[in-house]
Every structure is written in structure tokens, then in C-alpha cells.
Amino acid sequence: MMMMMMMMMMMMMMMMMMMMMMMIEKIFSFIE
């Protein structure tokens, strides 16, 4: 059970990071 929770948390963090990167990229492209 604990392992599953940890995995889920890790996945969520990865997704958030990816989203942030995408947003930053979009903003930068917009500025340029």
C-alpha cells in the first residue's frame, strides 16, 4: 500500500513538472 502511494505521488510530481515546463516554454515562445 505504501509503495503504491509513493508511486502515485511521484507520478503526480512528474506530471506537474512536465506541465510547468510546457507552460514556461509557451510563455518564452510568446515573449520571443
Protein backbone atom coordinates (compact mmCIF):
# COMPACT_ATOMS: atom_id res chain seq x y z
CA MET A 1 0.00 0.00 0.00
CA MET A 2 2.70 2.49 0.96
CA MET A 3 4.63 1.76 -2.22
CA MET A 4 1.55 2.44 -4.30
CA MET A 5 1.02 5.79 -2.59
CA MET A 6 4.66 6.73 -3.16
CA MET A 7 4.41 5.77 -6.83
CA MET A 8 1.26 7.84 -7.26
CA MET A 9 2.91 10.84 -5.61
CA MET A 10 5.94 10.50 -7.86
CA MET A 11 3.77 10.29 -10.96
CA MET A 12 1.79 13.37 -9.92
CA MET A 13 5.02 15.30 -9.31
CA MET A 14 6.35 14.28 -12.73
CA MET A 15 3.13 15.38 -14.41
CA MET A 16 3.23 18.73 -12.61
CA MET A 17 6.85 19.27 -13.64
CA MET A 18 6.02 18.47 -17.26
CA MET A 19 3.09 20.88 -17.22
CA MET A 20 5.25 23.63 -15.73
CA MET A 21 7.91 23.07 -18.38
CA MET A 22 5.32 23.25 -21.15
CA MET A 23 3.86 26.47 -19.73
CA ILE A 24 7.32 28.06 -19.42
CA GLU A 25 8.14 27.07 -22.98
CA LYS A 26 4.88 28.58 -24.24
CA ILE A 27 5.48 31.81 -22.34
CA PHE A 28 9.03 32.09 -23.67
CA SER A 29 7.91 31.48 -27.22
CA PHE A 30 5.21 34.12 -26.74
CA ILE A 31 7.78 36.66 -25.49
CA GLU A 32 10.03 35.99 -28.47
